[in-house]
Amino acid sequence: MTARFAKLLRDAKEMVQEQVEYRDLLYQMTKRDLLLRYKQTVMGFGWAIFTPLINTAIFSVIFTRVAPIDTEVPYPLFAYCGLWAWNFTASSLKFAVNSLTGNSSLVTKVYFPREIFPLSAVVVCIVDFAVASVVLVAMMIYWRIPVGAPLLMFPVVLVIQLAFTMAVALMLAMWNLFYRDIKYLFEVVIVVWMFGTSVLYPTGMVGGRLSTLLQLNPMTPIIDGYRSVLLYSQWPAIGPLAATGVGAFLLLGLAWISFHRAEFEFAESV
């Protein structure tokens, strides 16, 4: 047991050292992905704002006119905040799942930490996340939403979401390299996952066993955490958020070590 733990520590130290050593490559890969994503587009970074805005408009019509639901803040603001947070994770995973198979020529030739591919997909989506936050701030100003001391928890919620997103991104990229139908299954799962998360409706609306399943969804405490600190000026529920944070970092460690140990088989599976 002690020998296994020592090996885990050595692997973790090696992985961190590699990321520090190849940090310039991560920067270049992120820059390349950003340029490729918005190359020859008219709106450029405007697409990071346009998508959640359109979805917010559609769901606002449904949940304010057709099937009204009660939220403590104007529903468009409630929905946009949820979509803004959700799109960061969903977009990161969407680009990460093909990050290894889409760079097969690099995977098979020169050695460098292959984690850079899925991690760069996440970093690119952080840029979109930051751009889309401008609209959220504007909406908060328009509806005169006050902010207070709970805003100090915003970085905590963001770090937890980042850890969870990176963990799933690493696993998806690795699994899709070995089993190519993962990317097709992902398209179905991500849609179901969104409606199983409190993106478009308050958590309190759901009762019974569905409520328990909703709370077990790691994205629910994260999105509720954003709404608490940004829209309601309340401290987030510490218990669910702390459990999600611990689980996210444990999952990240497990995913990273598994990815690192399997990367020597990647060239054979490309």
C-alpha atoms as a PDB file:
ATOM      1  CA  MET A   1       0.000   0.000   0.000  1.00  0.00           C
ATOM      2  CA  THR A   2       2.827   2.373   0.917  1.00  0.00           C
ATOM      3  CA  ALA A   3       4.720   1.539  -2.277  1.00  0.00           C
ATOM      4  CA  ARG A   4       1.598   2.179  -4.376  1.00  0.00           C
ATOM      5  CA  PHE A   5       1.004   5.526  -2.678  1.00  0.00           C
ATOM      6  CA  ALA A   6       4.633   6.500  -3.244  1.00  0.00           C
ATOM      7  CA  LYS A   7       4.283   5.640  -6.931  1.00  0.00           C
ATOM      8  CA  LEU A   8       1.156   7.811  -7.151  1.00  0.00           C
ATOM      9  CA  LEU A   9       3.073  10.712  -5.636  1.00  0.00           C
ATOM     10  CA  ARG A  10       5.921  10.234  -8.114  1.00  0.00           C
ATOM     11  CA  ASP A  11       3.464  10.149 -11.010  1.00  0.00           C
ATOM     12  CA  ALA A  12       1.715  13.290  -9.763  1.00  0.00           C
ATOM     13  CA  LYS A  13       5.036  15.120  -9.379  1.00  0.00           C
ATOM     14  CA  GLU A  14       6.110  14.061 -12.871  1.00  0.00           C
ATOM     15  CA  MET A  15       2.829  15.208 -14.411  1.00  0.00           C
ATOM     16  CA  VAL A  16       3.004  18.622 -12.762  1.00  0.00           C
ATOM     17  CA  GLN A  17       6.631  19.077 -13.807  1.00  0.00           C
ATOM     18  CA  GLU A  18       5.752  18.201 -17.401  1.00  0.00           C
ATOM     19  CA  GLN A  19       2.940  20.748 -17.490  1.00  0.00           C
ATOM     20  CA  VAL A  20       5.293  23.438 -16.196  1.00  0.00           C
ATOM     21  CA  GLU A  21       7.954  22.440 -18.721  1.00  0.00           C
ATOM     22  CA  TYR A  22       5.537  22.452 -21.654  1.00  0.00           C
ATOM     23  CA  ARG A  23       3.464  25.494 -20.595  1.00  0.00           C
ATOM     24  CA  ASP A  24       4.522  27.392 -23.726  1.00  0.00           C
ATOM     25  CA  LEU A  25       3.173  24.560 -25.873  1.00  0.00           C
ATOM     26  CA  LEU A  26      -0.155  24.744 -24.035  1.00  0.00           C
ATOM     27  CA  TYR A  27      -0.259  28.460 -24.781  1.00  0.00           C
ATOM     28  CA  GLN A  28       0.486  27.898 -28.472  1.00  0.00           C
ATOM     29  CA  MET A  29      -2.102  25.114 -28.756  1.00  0.00           C
ATOM     30  CA  THR A  30      -4.724  27.305 -27.106  1.00  0.00           C
ATOM     31  CA  LYS A  31      -3.870  30.199 -29.398  1.00  0.00           C
ATOM     32  CA  ARG A  32      -4.080  27.919 -32.442  1.00  0.00           C
ATOM     33  CA  ASP A  33      -7.459  26.510 -31.393  1.00  0.00           C
ATOM     34  CA  LEU A  34      -8.854  29.997 -30.812  1.00  0.00           C
ATOM     35  CA  LEU A  35      -7.720  31.163 -34.249  1.00  0.00           C
ATOM     36  CA  LEU A  36      -9.086  28.040 -35.954  1.00  0.00           C
ATOM     37  CA  ARG A  37     -12.442  28.261 -34.192  1.00  0.00           C
ATOM     38  CA  TYR A  38     -13.168  31.826 -35.250  1.00  0.00           C
ATOM     39  CA  LYS A  39     -11.248  31.896 -38.538  1.00  0.00           C
ATOM     40  CA  GLN A  40     -13.319  33.328 -41.422  1.00  0.00           C
ATOM     41  CA  THR A  41     -16.299  34.001 -39.161  1.00  0.00           C
ATOM     42  CA  VAL A  42     -18.085  37.339 -39.293  1.00  0.00           C
ATOM     43  CA  MET A  43     -19.000  37.518 -35.612  1.00  0.00           C
ATOM     44  CA  GLY A  44     -15.809  36.036 -34.149  1.00  0.00           C
ATOM     45  CA  PHE A  45     -16.062  35.999 -30.363  1.00  0.00           C
ATOM     46  CA  GLY A  46     -19.638  37.213 -30.780  1.00  0.00           C
ATOM     47  CA  TRP A  47     -20.660  33.567 -31.144  1.00  0.00           C
ATOM     48  CA  ALA A  48     -19.765  33.054 -27.480  1.00  0.00           C
ATOM     49  CA  ILE A  49     -22.528  35.551 -26.663  1.00  0.00           C
ATOM     50  CA  PHE A  50     -24.974  34.789 -29.453  1.00  0.00           C
ATOM     51  CA  THR A  51     -25.603  31.130 -28.573  1.00  0.00           C
ATOM     52  CA  PRO A  52     -26.614  31.598 -24.911  1.00  0.00           C
ATOM     53  CA  LEU A  53     -28.624  34.702 -25.822  1.00  0.00           C
ATOM     54  CA  ILE A  54     -30.689  32.837 -28.427  1.00  0.00           C
ATOM     55  CA  ASN A  55     -31.270  29.920 -26.064  1.00  0.00           C
ATOM     56  CA  THR A  56     -32.230  32.352 -23.305  1.00  0.00           C
ATOM     57  CA  ALA A  57     -34.775  34.027 -25.592  1.00  0.00           C
ATOM     58  CA  ILE A  58     -36.317  30.685 -26.608  1.00  0.00           C
ATOM     59  CA  PHE A  59     -36.601  29.300 -23.091  1.00  0.00           C
ATOM     60  CA  SER A  60     -37.816  32.650 -21.756  1.00  0.00           C
ATOM     61  CA  VAL A  61     -40.793  32.485 -24.103  1.00  0.00           C
ATOM     62  CA  ILE A  62     -41.531  28.915 -22.998  1.00  0.00           C
ATOM     63  CA  PHE A  63     -41.156  29.454 -19.255  1.00  0.00           C
ATOM     64  CA  THR A  64     -42.740  32.899 -19.027  1.00  0.00           C
ATOM     65  CA  ARG A  65     -45.586  32.577 -21.560  1.00  0.00           C
ATOM     66  CA  VAL A  66     -46.361  28.910 -22.162  1.00  0.00           C
ATOM     67  CA  ALA A  67     -45.443  27.233 -18.852  1.00  0.00           C
ATOM     68  CA  PRO A  68     -44.538  30.000 -16.382  1.00  0.00           C
ATOM     69  CA  ILE A  69     -42.230  29.156 -13.494  1.00  0.00           C
ATOM     70  CA  ASP A  70     -41.435  31.281 -10.483  1.00  0.00           C
ATOM     71  CA  THR A  71     -37.886  32.548 -10.030  1.00  0.00           C
ATOM     72  CA  GLU A  72     -36.639  35.154  -7.572  1.00  0.00           C
ATOM     73  CA  VAL A  73     -35.080  37.189 -10.370  1.00  0.00           C
ATOM     74  CA  PRO A  74     -36.351  37.913 -13.915  1.00  0.00           C
ATOM     75  CA  TYR A  75     -36.393  34.625 -15.784  1.00  0.00           C
ATOM     76  CA  PRO A  76     -34.156  35.754 -18.712  1.00  0.00           C
ATOM     77  CA  LEU A  77     -31.438  36.579 -16.194  1.00  0.00           C
ATOM     78  CA  PHE A  78     -32.001  33.288 -14.355  1.00  0.00           C
ATOM     79  CA  ALA A  79     -31.806  31.294 -17.591  1.00  0.00           C
ATOM     80  CA  TYR A  80     -28.825  33.152 -19.022  1.00  0.00           C
ATOM     81  CA  CYS A  81     -26.795  32.592 -15.840  1.00  0.00           C
ATOM     82  CA  GLY A  82     -27.515  28.865 -15.992  1.00  0.00           C
ATOM     83  CA  LEU A  83     -26.759  28.600 -19.708  1.00  0.00           C
ATOM     84  CA  TRP A  84     -23.608  30.686 -19.313  1.00  0.00           C
ATOM     85  CA  ALA A  85     -22.236  28.307 -16.682  1.00  0.00           C
ATOM     86  CA  TRP A  86     -23.466  25.170 -18.442  1.00  0.00           C
ATOM     87  CA  ASN A  87     -22.067  26.136 -21.851  1.00  0.00           C
ATOM     88  CA  PHE A  88     -18.570  26.420 -20.425  1.00  0.00           C
ATOM     89  CA  THR A  89     -18.541  22.761 -19.385  1.00  0.00           C
ATOM     90  CA  ALA A  90     -20.572  21.497 -22.353  1.00  0.00           C
ATOM     91  CA  SER A  91     -18.427  23.332 -24.935  1.00  0.00           C
ATOM     92  CA  SER A  92     -15.204  22.243 -23.249  1.00  0.00           C
ATOM     93  CA  LEU A  93     -16.264  18.590 -23.387  1.00  0.00           C
ATOM     94  CA  LYS A  94     -17.517  18.933 -26.953  1.00  0.00           C
ATOM     95  CA  PHE A  95     -14.105  20.065 -28.174  1.00  0.00           C
ATOM     96  CA  ALA A  96     -12.121  17.842 -25.811  1.00  0.00           C
ATOM     97  CA  VAL A  97     -13.761  14.586 -26.922  1.00  0.00           C
ATOM     98  CA  ASN A  98     -12.118  14.851 -30.375  1.00  0.00           C
ATOM     99  CA  SER A  99      -8.937  16.575 -29.210  1.00  0.00           C
ATOM    100  CA  LEU A 100      -6.719  13.482 -29.505  1.00  0.00           C
ATOM    101  CA  THR A 101      -8.246  11.933 -32.627  1.00  0.00           C
ATOM    102  CA  GLY A 102      -8.221  15.341 -34.329  1.00  0.00           C
ATOM    103  CA  ASN A 103      -4.479  15.735 -33.731  1.00  0.00           C
ATOM    104  CA  SER A 104      -3.395  12.217 -34.661  1.00  0.00           C
ATOM    105  CA  SER A 105      -0.326  13.386 -36.581  1.00  0.00           C
ATOM    106  CA  LEU A 106       1.073  15.068 -33.480  1.00  0.00           C
ATOM    107  CA  VAL A 107       0.088  12.229 -31.149  1.00  0.00           C
ATOM    108  CA  THR A 108       2.090   9.676 -33.157  1.00  0.00           C
ATOM    109  CA  LYS A 109       5.249  11.701 -33.782  1.00  0.00           C
ATOM    110  CA  VAL A 110       6.792  13.898 -31.097  1.00  0.00           C
ATOM    111  CA  TYR A 111       6.600  13.246 -27.348  1.00  0.00           C
ATOM    112  CA  PHE A 112       5.000  15.816 -25.102  1.00  0.00           C
ATOM    113  CA  PRO A 113       2.289  15.476 -22.446  1.00  0.00           C
ATOM    114  CA  ARG A 114      -0.847  14.573 -24.401  1.00  0.00           C
ATOM    115  CA  GLU A 115      -2.961  16.166 -21.671  1.00  0.00           C
ATOM    116  CA  ILE A 116      -2.273  19.425 -23.465  1.00  0.00           C
ATOM    117  CA  PHE A 117      -4.899  18.612 -26.123  1.00  0.00           C
ATOM    118  CA  PRO A 118      -7.988  18.272 -23.883  1.00  0.00           C
ATOM    119  CA  LEU A 119      -6.704  20.918 -21.480  1.00  0.00           C
ATOM    120  CA  SER A 120      -6.275  23.438 -24.295  1.00  0.00           C
ATOM    121  CA  ALA A 121      -9.906  22.796 -25.289  1.00  0.00           C
ATOM    122  CA  VAL A 122     -10.945  23.747 -21.755  1.00  0.00           C
ATOM    123  CA  VAL A 123      -8.744  26.866 -21.730  1.00  0.00           C
ATOM    124  CA  VAL A 124     -10.219  28.026 -25.049  1.00  0.00           C
ATOM    125  CA  CYS A 125     -13.699  27.742 -23.565  1.00  0.00           C
ATOM    126  CA  ILE A 126     -12.612  29.811 -20.570  1.00  0.00           C
ATOM    127  CA  VAL A 127     -12.098  32.653 -23.042  1.00  0.00           C
ATOM    128  CA  ASP A 128     -15.651  32.190 -24.360  1.00  0.00           C
ATOM    129  CA  PHE A 129     -16.871  32.013 -20.757  1.00  0.00           C
ATOM    130  CA  ALA A 130     -15.220  35.357 -19.970  1.00  0.00           C
ATOM    131  CA  VAL A 131     -16.627  36.996 -23.111  1.00  0.00           C
ATOM    132  CA  ALA A 132     -20.159  35.770 -22.386  1.00  0.00           C
ATOM    133  CA  SER A 133     -19.912  37.070 -18.813  1.00  0.00           C
ATOM    134  CA  VAL A 134     -20.052  40.624 -20.194  1.00  0.00           C
ATOM    135  CA  VAL A 135     -23.697  40.085 -21.137  1.00  0.00           C
ATOM    136  CA  LEU A 136     -24.462  38.620 -17.706  1.00  0.00           C
ATOM    137  CA  VAL A 137     -22.987  41.697 -16.010  1.00  0.00           C
ATOM    138  CA  ALA A 138     -24.984  43.961 -18.331  1.00  0.00           C
ATOM    139  CA  MET A 139     -28.204  42.097 -17.497  1.00  0.00           C
ATOM    140  CA  MET A 140     -27.479  42.357 -13.786  1.00  0.00           C
ATOM    141  CA  ILE A 141     -26.967  46.100 -14.132  1.00  0.00           C
ATOM    142  CA  TYR A 142     -30.150  46.464 -16.194  1.00  0.00           C
ATOM    143  CA  TRP A 143     -32.281  44.658 -13.585  1.00  0.00           C
ATOM    144  CA  ARG A 144     -30.370  46.306 -10.725  1.00  0.00           C
ATOM    145  CA  ILE A 145     -29.204  43.091  -9.124  1.00  0.00           C
ATOM    146  CA  PRO A 146     -27.061  43.956  -6.084  1.00  0.00           C
ATOM    147  CA  VAL A 147     -23.919  42.037  -5.194  1.00  0.00           C
ATOM    148  CA  GLY A 148     -22.456  41.561  -1.743  1.00  0.00           C
ATOM    149  CA  ALA A 149     -19.903  39.628   0.275  1.00  0.00           C
ATOM    150  CA  PRO A 150     -20.998  36.217  -1.133  1.00  0.00           C
ATOM    151  CA  LEU A 151     -19.370  37.301  -4.406  1.00  0.00           C
ATOM    152  CA  LEU A 152     -16.100  36.283  -2.748  1.00  0.00           C
ATOM    153  CA  MET A 153     -17.177  32.672  -3.303  1.00  0.00           C
ATOM    154  CA  PHE A 154     -17.268  33.129  -7.089  1.00  0.00           C
ATOM    155  CA  PRO A 155     -13.626  32.026  -7.615  1.00  0.00           C
ATOM    156  CA  VAL A 156     -14.279  28.946  -5.468  1.00  0.00           C
ATOM    157  CA  VAL A 157     -17.258  27.905  -7.597  1.00  0.00           C
ATOM    158  CA  LEU A 158     -15.244  28.567 -10.765  1.00  0.00           C
ATOM    159  CA  VAL A 159     -12.269  26.470  -9.592  1.00  0.00           C
ATOM    160  CA  ILE A 160     -14.569  23.568  -8.696  1.00  0.00           C
ATOM    161  CA  GLN A 161     -16.221  23.724 -12.116  1.00  0.00           C
ATOM    162  CA  LEU A 162     -12.839  23.959 -13.803  1.00  0.00           C
ATOM    163  CA  ALA A 163     -11.521  20.893 -11.937  1.00  0.00           C
ATOM    164  CA  PHE A 164     -14.625  18.875 -12.766  1.00  0.00           C
ATOM    165  CA  THR A 165     -14.593  19.931 -16.420  1.00  0.00           C
ATOM    166  CA  MET A 166     -10.908  19.110 -16.836  1.00  0.00           C
ATOM    167  CA  ALA A 167     -11.422  15.677 -15.265  1.00  0.00           C
ATOM    168  CA  VAL A 168     -14.270  14.734 -17.599  1.00  0.00           C
ATOM    169  CA  ALA A 169     -12.442  16.235 -20.590  1.00  0.00           C
ATOM    170  CA  LEU A 170      -9.401  14.023 -19.954  1.00  0.00           C
ATOM    171  CA  MET A 171     -11.540  10.902 -19.647  1.00  0.00           C
ATOM    172  CA  LEU A 172     -13.633  11.635 -22.737  1.00  0.00           C
ATOM    173  CA  ALA A 173     -10.582  12.366 -24.898  1.00  0.00           C
ATOM    174  CA  MET A 174      -8.924   9.124 -23.788  1.00  0.00           C
ATOM    175  CA  TRP A 175     -12.047   6.966 -24.131  1.00  0.00           C
ATOM    176  CA  ASN A 176     -12.839   8.362 -27.568  1.00  0.00           C
ATOM    177  CA  LEU A 177      -9.371   7.427 -28.765  1.00  0.00           C
ATOM    178  CA  PHE A 178      -9.902   3.797 -27.750  1.00  0.00           C
ATOM    179  CA  TYR A 179     -13.644   3.586 -28.526  1.00  0.00           C
ATOM    180  CA  ARG A 180     -14.659   5.869 -31.373  1.00  0.00           C
ATOM    181  CA  ASP A 181     -18.399   5.609 -30.728  1.00  0.00           C
ATOM    182  CA  ILE A 182     -17.941   7.626 -27.506  1.00  0.00           C
ATOM    183  CA  LYS A 183     -18.298  10.869 -29.464  1.00  0.00           C
ATOM    184  CA  TYR A 184     -21.728   9.781 -30.766  1.00  0.00           C
ATOM    185  CA  LEU A 185     -22.894   8.682 -27.334  1.00  0.00           C
ATOM    186  CA  PHE A 186     -21.649  11.988 -25.924  1.00  0.00           C
ATOM    187  CA  GLU A 187     -24.004  13.978 -28.168  1.00  0.00           C
ATOM    188  CA  VAL A 188     -26.994  12.219 -26.619  1.00  0.00           C
ATOM    189  CA  VAL A 189     -25.737  12.281 -23.049  1.00  0.00           C
ATOM    190  CA  ILE A 190     -24.939  16.000 -23.053  1.00  0.00           C
ATOM    191  CA  VAL A 191     -28.515  16.932 -24.027  1.00  0.00           C
ATOM    192  CA  VAL A 192     -30.059  14.676 -21.371  1.00  0.00           C
ATOM    193  CA  TRP A 193     -27.518  15.921 -18.846  1.00  0.00           C
ATOM    194  CA  MET A 194     -28.478  19.560 -19.445  1.00  0.00           C
ATOM    195  CA  PHE A 195     -32.156  18.936 -18.743  1.00  0.00           C
ATOM    196  CA  GLY A 196     -31.148  16.882 -15.701  1.00  0.00           C
ATOM    197  CA  THR A 197     -29.310  19.910 -14.318  1.00  0.00           C
ATOM    198  CA  SER A 198     -30.818  23.073 -12.833  1.00  0.00           C
ATOM    199  CA  VAL A 199     -29.902  25.095 -15.911  1.00  0.00           C
ATOM    200  CA  LEU A 200     -33.400  26.262 -16.825  1.00  0.00           C
ATOM    201  CA  TYR A 201     -35.424  25.729 -13.672  1.00  0.00           C
ATOM    202  CA  PRO A 202     -34.956  26.174  -9.906  1.00  0.00           C
ATOM    203  CA  THR A 203     -33.874  23.132  -7.948  1.00  0.00           C
ATOM    204  CA  GLY A 204     -36.824  23.555  -5.583  1.00  0.00           C
ATOM    205  CA  MET A 205     -39.303  22.824  -8.370  1.00  0.00           C
ATOM    206  CA  VAL A 206     -38.325  19.159  -8.417  1.00  0.00           C
ATOM    207  CA  GLY A 207     -39.394  16.857  -5.595  1.00  0.00           C
ATOM    208  CA  GLY A 208     -39.150  13.217  -4.594  1.00  0.00           C
ATOM    209  CA  ARG A 209     -36.554  10.880  -6.040  1.00  0.00           C
ATOM    210  CA  LEU A 210     -35.904  13.196  -8.972  1.00  0.00           C
ATOM    211  CA  SER A 211     -34.788  15.853  -6.507  1.00  0.00           C
ATOM    212  CA  THR A 212     -32.261  13.419  -5.022  1.00  0.00           C
ATOM    213  CA  LEU A 213     -30.913  12.564  -8.485  1.00  0.00           C
ATOM    214  CA  LEU A 214     -30.726  16.260  -9.317  1.00  0.00           C
ATOM    215  CA  GLN A 215     -28.653  16.932  -6.215  1.00  0.00           C
ATOM    216  CA  LEU A 216     -26.301  14.059  -7.043  1.00  0.00           C
ATOM    217  CA  ASN A 217     -25.589  15.700 -10.386  1.00  0.00           C
ATOM    218  CA  PRO A 218     -22.284  17.566  -9.790  1.00  0.00           C
ATOM    219  CA  MET A 219     -23.268  20.400 -12.134  1.00  0.00           C
ATOM    220  CA  THR A 220     -26.334  21.296 -10.039  1.00  0.00           C
ATOM    221  CA  PRO A 221     -24.439  22.630  -6.966  1.00  0.00           C
ATOM    222  CA  ILE A 222     -22.079  24.461  -9.319  1.00  0.00           C
ATOM    223  CA  ILE A 223     -24.828  26.274 -11.240  1.00  0.00           C
ATOM    224  CA  ASP A 224     -26.803  26.917  -8.052  1.00  0.00           C
ATOM    225  CA  GLY A 225     -23.591  28.285  -6.555  1.00  0.00           C
ATOM    226  CA  TYR A 226     -23.182  30.794  -9.375  1.00  0.00           C
ATOM    227  CA  ARG A 227     -26.782  31.943  -8.998  1.00  0.00           C
ATOM    228  CA  SER A 228     -26.441  32.285  -5.231  1.00  0.00           C
ATOM    229  CA  VAL A 229     -23.360  34.504  -5.315  1.00  0.00           C
ATOM    230  CA  LEU A 230     -24.245  36.497  -8.447  1.00  0.00           C
ATOM    231  CA  LEU A 231     -28.030  36.824  -8.568  1.00  0.00           C
ATOM    232  CA  TYR A 232     -29.261  36.333  -5.003  1.00  0.00           C
ATOM    233  CA  SER A 233     -26.304  37.748  -3.040  1.00  0.00           C
ATOM    234  CA  GLN A 234     -26.414  34.655  -0.830  1.00  0.00           C
ATOM    235  CA  TRP A 235     -23.748  32.268   0.353  1.00  0.00           C
ATOM    236  CA  PRO A 236     -23.999  29.006  -1.623  1.00  0.00           C
ATOM    237  CA  ALA A 237     -25.039  25.794   0.099  1.00  0.00           C
ATOM    238  CA  ILE A 238     -21.684  24.807   1.555  1.00  0.00           C
ATOM    239  CA  GLY A 239     -22.429  21.097   2.020  1.00  0.00           C
ATOM    240  CA  PRO A 240     -23.321  20.209  -1.610  1.00  0.00           C
ATOM    241  CA  LEU A 241     -20.675  22.561  -3.006  1.00  0.00           C
ATOM    242  CA  ALA A 242     -17.935  21.192  -0.741  1.00  0.00           C
ATOM    243  CA  ALA A 243     -18.879  17.595  -1.616  1.00  0.00           C
ATOM    244  CA  THR A 244     -18.803  18.484  -5.312  1.00  0.00           C
ATOM    245  CA  GLY A 245     -15.421  20.169  -4.873  1.00  0.00           C
ATOM    246  CA  VAL A 246     -13.868  17.177  -3.121  1.00  0.00           C
ATOM    247  CA  GLY A 247     -15.329  14.818  -5.712  1.00  0.00           C
ATOM    248  CA  ALA A 248     -14.141  17.044  -8.584  1.00  0.00           C
ATOM    249  CA  PHE A 249     -10.526  17.124  -7.402  1.00  0.00           C
ATOM    250  CA  LEU A 250     -10.456  13.402  -6.635  1.00  0.00           C
ATOM    251  CA  LEU A 251     -11.883  12.709 -10.095  1.00  0.00           C
ATOM    252  CA  LEU A 252      -9.332  15.051 -11.663  1.00  0.00           C
ATOM    253  CA  GLY A 253      -6.479  13.232  -9.945  1.00  0.00           C
ATOM    254  CA  LEU A 254      -7.809   9.835 -11.000  1.00  0.00           C
ATOM    255  CA  ALA A 255      -8.482  10.955 -14.586  1.00  0.00           C
ATOM    256  CA  TRP A 256      -5.091  12.630 -14.943  1.00  0.00           C
ATOM    257  CA  ILE A 257      -3.145   9.623 -13.627  1.00  0.00           C
ATOM    258  CA  SER A 258      -5.161   7.220 -15.807  1.00  0.00           C
ATOM    259  CA  PHE A 259      -4.588   9.432 -18.842  1.00  0.00           C
ATOM    260  CA  HIS A 260      -0.864   9.732 -18.108  1.00  0.00           C
ATOM    261  CA  ARG A 261      -0.407   5.978 -17.741  1.00  0.00           C
ATOM    262  CA  ALA A 262      -2.347   5.208 -20.922  1.00  0.00           C
ATOM    263  CA  GLU A 263      -0.762   7.807 -23.200  1.00  0.00           C
ATOM    264  CA  PHE A 264       2.001   5.430 -24.318  1.00  0.00           C
ATOM    265  CA  GLU A 265      -0.744   3.324 -25.979  1.00  0.00           C
ATOM    266  CA  PHE A 266      -2.269   6.293 -27.805  1.00  0.00           C
ATOM    267  CA  ALA A 267      -0.114   5.968 -30.923  1.00  0.00           C
ATOM    268  CA  GLU A 268      -1.322   2.404 -31.443  1.00  0.00           C
ATOM    269  CA  SER A 269      -4.981   3.452 -31.283  1.00  0.00           C
ATOM    270  CA  VAL A 270      -4.890   6.499 -33.560  1.00  0.00           C
END
